[in-house]
Amino acid sequence: MLSREKNRKDDEEDIGFFVKNLENVQGDERDVMIFSTTFGKRANGKFARFFGPLSQTGGQRRLNVAVTRARDRIEIFTSIPTDQVSDVLSRPLESISTGVKPRDVFQLYLAYAEACDSGAHERVEDVLKRAASLSYGGFAGAGLADDYDSEFEIQVADLLRRNGFKVLTQVNEGEFRIDLAIVHPTENRYALGIECDGATFHSSWSARSHDIWRQRVLESCGWRIHRIWSTDWWRDTSTQIEALLHIARHACGEDHKR
């Protein structure tokens, strides 16, 4: 039975059961995901604020990748004392910095899940207000500064930022969300939208057809879209980087610094 569930497919799409850690779950989606943590109080009763990759720089990005794999529902199993993860829940709302710390985001996520599960509506609103204070402001459609769907997106965004581009993530355009968007350096608009497609989409005819239609709609709204396949990126990274930077610089104008 386990073997059957692991190998289950729907129209050539893999929908089988799997168990993966934080680093290896990128690109996978299921209707229901179980998110289990392995952190708790030590034998002496103390709780250390160390959460492996979630504690490191960019940890909030990896958390986002992990908890957005569920299409319908996510179940959380944890022994973490949420109130001890960070102090973002106890600080006055007006004092919360716009800087995103991995522990802050992790605490807010756990607190939000707990409040939803218990039906504490006022608590839900408070947590959401605190989460909103950590988001990028001042640009239409922008999501969280570190709101990603995969490790692949993180690498592409980091590369662009190292080359001087301002990049926002998960930007809304109508009913769609664009993975990455480069802000024009001198004009109040987006210069380029970037879609980072994983291997699952690359192998699915229906997903490719949907993305072609989706891109045409976005282009009709004035977007210029550049699409990158993860398989191409891993196989020939240097060529993909060269092409991406060329298109990004052209979209931002020849005067954009190199």
Protein backbone atom coordinates (compact mmCIF):
# COMPACT_ATOMS: atom_id res chain seq x y z
CA MET A 1 0.00 0.00 0.00
CA LEU A 2 2.82 2.43 0.86
CA SER A 3 4.57 1.64 -2.42
CA ARG A 4 1.34 2.29 -4.32
CA GLU A 5 0.86 5.67 -2.62
CA LYS A 6 4.47 6.70 -3.28
CA ASN A 7 4.07 6.04 -7.00
CA ARG A 8 0.58 7.51 -7.44
CA LYS A 9 0.15 9.75 -10.52
CA ASP A 10 -2.59 11.88 -12.04
CA ASP A 11 -2.27 12.43 -15.80
CA GLU A 12 1.51 11.86 -15.57
CA GLU A 13 1.82 14.30 -12.65
CA ASP A 14 3.45 12.80 -9.54
CA ILE A 15 0.99 13.13 -6.64
CA GLY A 16 2.39 10.35 -4.48
CA PHE A 17 3.25 10.30 -0.78
CA PHE A 18 6.69 11.59 0.23
CA VAL A 19 8.72 12.58 3.28
CA LYS A 20 11.26 15.37 2.77
CA ASN A 21 13.20 17.88 4.84
CA LEU A 22 13.11 21.66 4.52
CA GLU A 23 15.88 21.84 1.93
CA ASN A 24 14.49 19.18 -0.41
CA VAL A 25 10.77 19.99 -0.56
CA GLN A 26 11.10 22.84 -3.08
CA GLY A 27 8.95 22.49 -6.17
CA ASP A 28 6.68 19.80 -4.69
CA GLU A 29 2.98 20.37 -4.01
CA ARG A 30 0.26 18.21 -2.51
CA ASP A 31 -3.35 18.81 -1.46
CA VAL A 32 -2.45 18.14 2.19
CA MET A 33 0.98 18.62 3.77
CA ILE A 34 2.15 17.67 7.26
CA PHE A 35 4.70 20.13 8.67
CA SER A 36 6.56 18.62 11.61
CA THR A 37 9.22 20.36 13.70
CA THR A 38 11.89 18.69 15.84
CA PHE A 39 12.61 21.52 18.26
CA GLY A 40 11.52 21.73 21.88
CA LYS A 41 12.77 22.38 25.38
CA ARG A 42 15.95 20.68 26.50
CA ALA A 43 16.14 18.25 29.42
CA ASN A 44 16.97 21.17 31.74
CA GLY A 45 13.75 22.95 30.71
CA LYS A 46 15.49 25.63 28.67
CA PHE A 47 14.61 26.45 25.07
CA ALA A 48 17.35 27.43 22.61
CA ARG A 49 16.44 29.81 19.80
CA PHE A 50 18.22 27.76 17.17
CA PHE A 51 16.17 26.24 14.36
CA GLY A 52 18.76 24.91 11.93
CA PRO A 53 18.37 26.46 8.44
CA LEU A 54 15.47 28.61 9.71
CA SER A 55 17.88 30.46 12.03
CA GLN A 56 20.34 31.32 9.29
CA THR A 57 20.32 34.25 6.90
CA GLY A 58 17.44 33.75 4.50
CA GLY A 59 15.71 31.32 6.85
CA GLN A 60 12.39 33.08 6.34
CA ARG A 61 12.64 32.28 2.63
CA ARG A 62 13.05 28.58 3.31
CA LEU A 63 10.16 28.65 5.76
CA ASN A 64 7.98 30.19 3.06
CA VAL A 65 8.98 27.47 0.61
CA ALA A 66 8.12 24.75 3.14
CA VAL A 67 4.72 26.04 4.26
CA THR A 68 3.40 26.92 0.80
CA ARG A 69 3.56 23.37 -0.60
CA ALA A 70 -0.04 22.59 0.41
CA ARG A 71 -2.80 23.30 -2.11
CA ASP A 72 -5.65 22.80 0.35
CA ARG A 73 -4.52 22.24 3.96
CA ILE A 74 -1.42 22.06 6.13
CA GLU A 75 -1.26 20.18 9.43
CA ILE A 76 1.38 21.28 11.95
CA PHE A 77 2.89 19.02 14.59
CA THR A 78 5.23 20.84 16.95
CA SER A 79 6.55 20.90 20.51
CA ILE A 80 7.93 24.42 20.15
CA PRO A 81 6.84 26.94 22.85
CA THR A 82 5.72 29.62 20.40
CA ASP A 83 6.06 32.49 22.89
CA GLN A 84 9.80 31.75 23.24
CA VAL A 85 10.75 31.65 19.55
CA SER A 86 11.18 35.44 19.25
CA ASP A 87 9.92 38.63 20.88
CA VAL A 88 7.99 39.97 17.89
CA LEU A 89 4.69 39.01 19.55
CA SER A 90 5.42 40.93 22.74
CA ARG A 91 6.85 44.14 21.27
CA PRO A 92 4.56 47.17 20.76
CA LEU A 93 3.18 47.05 17.24
CA GLU A 94 4.54 50.48 16.33
CA SER A 95 8.09 49.46 17.30
CA ILE A 96 8.39 46.47 14.97
CA SER A 97 11.13 47.07 12.43
CA THR A 98 10.63 46.59 8.69
CA GLY A 99 13.69 44.34 8.75
CA VAL A 100 12.67 40.68 8.47
CA LYS A 101 14.36 38.32 10.92
CA PRO A 102 13.95 34.57 10.42
CA ARG A 103 12.88 33.97 14.04
CA ASP A 104 10.26 36.74 13.82
CA VAL A 105 8.61 35.22 10.77
CA PHE A 106 8.73 31.69 12.23
CA GLN A 107 7.07 32.87 15.45
CA LEU A 108 4.35 34.75 13.57
CA TYR A 109 3.59 31.72 11.42
CA LEU A 110 3.23 29.39 14.41
CA ALA A 111 1.17 31.96 16.32
CA TYR A 112 -1.14 32.47 13.34
CA ALA A 113 -1.69 28.71 12.99
CA GLU A 114 -2.44 28.36 16.70
CA ALA A 115 -4.87 31.28 16.66
CA CYS A 116 -6.70 29.94 13.60
CA ASP A 117 -6.94 26.46 15.11
CA SER A 118 -8.41 27.77 18.35
CA GLY A 119 -10.75 30.27 16.69
CA ALA A 120 -9.12 33.25 18.43
CA HIS A 121 -10.14 35.88 15.88
CA GLU A 122 -8.66 38.89 17.71
CA ARG A 123 -5.36 37.04 18.01
CA VAL A 124 -5.43 36.27 14.30
CA GLU A 125 -5.88 39.96 13.49
CA ASP A 126 -3.03 40.97 15.81
CA VAL A 127 -0.64 38.45 14.26
CA LEU A 128 -1.58 39.56 10.73
CA LYS A 129 -0.96 43.21 11.63
CA ARG A 130 2.48 42.31 12.92
CA ALA A 131 3.23 40.28 9.80
CA ALA A 132 2.12 43.19 7.61
CA SER A 133 4.59 45.49 9.35
CA LEU A 134 7.39 43.26 8.04
CA SER A 135 6.31 43.59 4.42
CA TYR A 136 7.62 45.82 1.69
CA GLY A 137 5.65 49.01 1.34
CA GLY A 138 5.36 51.66 -1.33
CA PHE A 139 4.98 49.61 -4.50
CA ALA A 140 1.79 48.28 -6.01
CA GLY A 141 1.27 44.56 -5.89
CA ALA A 142 4.41 43.78 -3.90
CA GLY A 143 4.37 40.82 -1.59
CA LEU A 144 6.70 40.17 1.32
CA ALA A 145 10.33 41.10 0.77
CA ASP A 146 11.27 37.44 1.15
CA ASP A 147 8.18 35.67 -0.16
CA TYR A 148 9.35 32.82 -2.40
CA ASP A 149 7.97 29.58 -3.79
CA SER A 150 11.27 27.73 -4.21
CA GLU A 151 15.00 27.73 -3.58
CA PHE A 152 15.35 28.32 -7.32
CA GLU A 153 13.58 31.69 -7.01
CA ILE A 154 15.83 32.62 -4.08
CA GLN A 155 18.96 32.02 -6.16
CA VAL A 156 17.67 34.03 -9.12
CA ALA A 157 16.58 36.95 -6.91
CA ASP A 158 19.90 36.97 -5.02
CA LEU A 159 21.83 37.02 -8.29
CA LEU A 160 19.85 39.99 -9.60
CA ARG A 161 20.27 41.93 -6.35
CA ARG A 162 24.01 41.32 -6.35
CA ASN A 163 24.07 42.89 -9.82
CA GLY A 164 22.33 46.05 -8.64
CA PHE A 165 18.68 45.37 -9.46
CA LYS A 166 15.81 46.03 -7.08
CA VAL A 167 13.73 42.86 -6.98
CA LEU A 168 10.31 42.31 -5.41
CA THR A 169 8.68 38.92 -5.04
CA GLN A 170 5.25 37.39 -5.59
CA VAL A 171 3.83 40.52 -7.22
CA ASN A 172 0.09 40.56 -7.84
CA GLU A 173 -1.38 41.32 -11.26
CA GLY A 174 -5.10 40.72 -11.23
CA GLU A 175 -5.68 37.07 -10.34
CA PHE A 176 -2.06 36.15 -11.08
CA ARG A 177 1.15 36.32 -9.07
CA ILE A 178 4.49 36.92 -10.75
CA ASP A 179 7.45 35.16 -9.11
CA LEU A 180 9.94 38.05 -9.32
CA ALA A 181 9.67 41.63 -10.61
CA ILE A 182 12.49 44.07 -11.29
CA VAL A 183 11.70 47.69 -10.42
CA HIS A 184 12.77 50.21 -13.07
CA PRO A 185 15.68 52.30 -11.68
CA THR A 186 14.29 55.69 -12.78
CA GLU A 187 10.58 55.19 -13.51
CA ASN A 188 7.76 54.27 -11.15
CA ARG A 189 6.99 50.91 -12.77
CA TYR A 190 8.12 47.33 -13.07
CA ALA A 191 10.69 46.84 -15.82
CA LEU A 192 10.56 43.06 -16.05
CA GLY A 193 8.62 40.11 -14.65
CA ILE A 194 10.49 36.84 -14.15
CA GLU A 195 8.85 33.45 -13.93
CA CYS A 196 10.91 30.63 -12.38
CA ASP A 197 9.49 27.30 -13.53
CA GLY A 198 10.43 24.04 -11.87
CA ALA A 199 10.95 20.59 -13.35
CA THR A 200 7.39 19.53 -12.52
CA PHE A 201 5.95 22.25 -14.76
CA HIS A 202 8.54 21.51 -17.43
CA SER A 203 7.27 17.93 -17.75
CA SER A 204 3.55 18.66 -17.62
CA TRP A 205 1.79 19.53 -20.88
CA SER A 206 -1.25 20.99 -19.10
CA ALA A 207 0.91 23.21 -16.90
CA ARG A 208 2.88 24.48 -19.89
CA SER A 209 -0.33 25.27 -21.76
CA HIS A 210 -1.70 27.17 -18.76
CA ASP A 211 1.52 29.17 -18.41
CA ILE A 212 1.51 30.13 -22.10
CA TRP A 213 -2.03 31.48 -21.73
CA ARG A 214 -1.12 33.17 -18.42
CA GLN A 215 1.92 34.88 -19.96
CA ARG A 216 -0.15 36.21 -22.86
CA VAL A 217 -2.64 37.72 -20.42
CA LEU A 218 0.15 39.38 -18.43
CA GLU A 219 1.77 40.76 -21.59
CA SER A 220 -1.60 42.19 -22.64
CA CYS A 221 -1.53 44.08 -19.31
CA GLY A 222 1.82 45.64 -20.20
CA TRP A 223 4.19 43.18 -18.55
CA ARG A 224 7.41 42.06 -20.15
CA ILE A 225 7.99 38.47 -19.00
CA HIS A 226 11.20 36.43 -18.96
CA ARG A 227 10.81 32.73 -18.17
CA ILE A 228 13.56 30.53 -16.73
CA TRP A 229 13.34 26.75 -16.49
CA SER A 230 15.09 25.26 -13.46
CA THR A 231 16.39 22.36 -15.56
CA ASP A 232 18.14 24.80 -17.93
CA TRP A 233 19.45 26.80 -14.98
CA TRP A 234 21.09 23.79 -13.31
CA ARG A 235 22.47 22.33 -16.55
CA ASP A 236 24.02 25.53 -17.95
CA THR A 237 23.98 28.14 -15.22
CA SER A 238 26.48 30.54 -16.80
CA THR A 239 24.52 30.80 -20.07
CA GLN A 240 21.23 31.33 -18.22
CA ILE A 241 22.79 34.02 -16.01
CA GLU A 242 24.24 35.83 -19.00
CA ALA A 243 20.88 35.80 -20.80
CA LEU A 244 18.99 36.94 -17.69
CA LEU A 245 21.32 39.86 -16.96
CA HIS A 246 21.26 40.96 -20.62
CA ILE A 247 17.46 41.01 -20.69
CA ALA A 248 17.23 42.71 -17.28
CA ARG A 249 19.69 45.46 -18.25
CA HIS A 250 17.91 46.05 -21.53
CA ALA A 251 14.53 46.25 -19.76
CA CYS A 252 15.90 48.80 -17.31
CA GLY A 253 17.57 50.91 -20.01
CA GLU A 254 21.12 51.13 -21.27
CA ASP A 255 22.01 53.62 -18.53
CA HIS A 256 21.51 51.02 -15.78
CA LYS A 257 24.85 50.44 -14.08
CA ARG A 258 26.59 47.15 -14.77
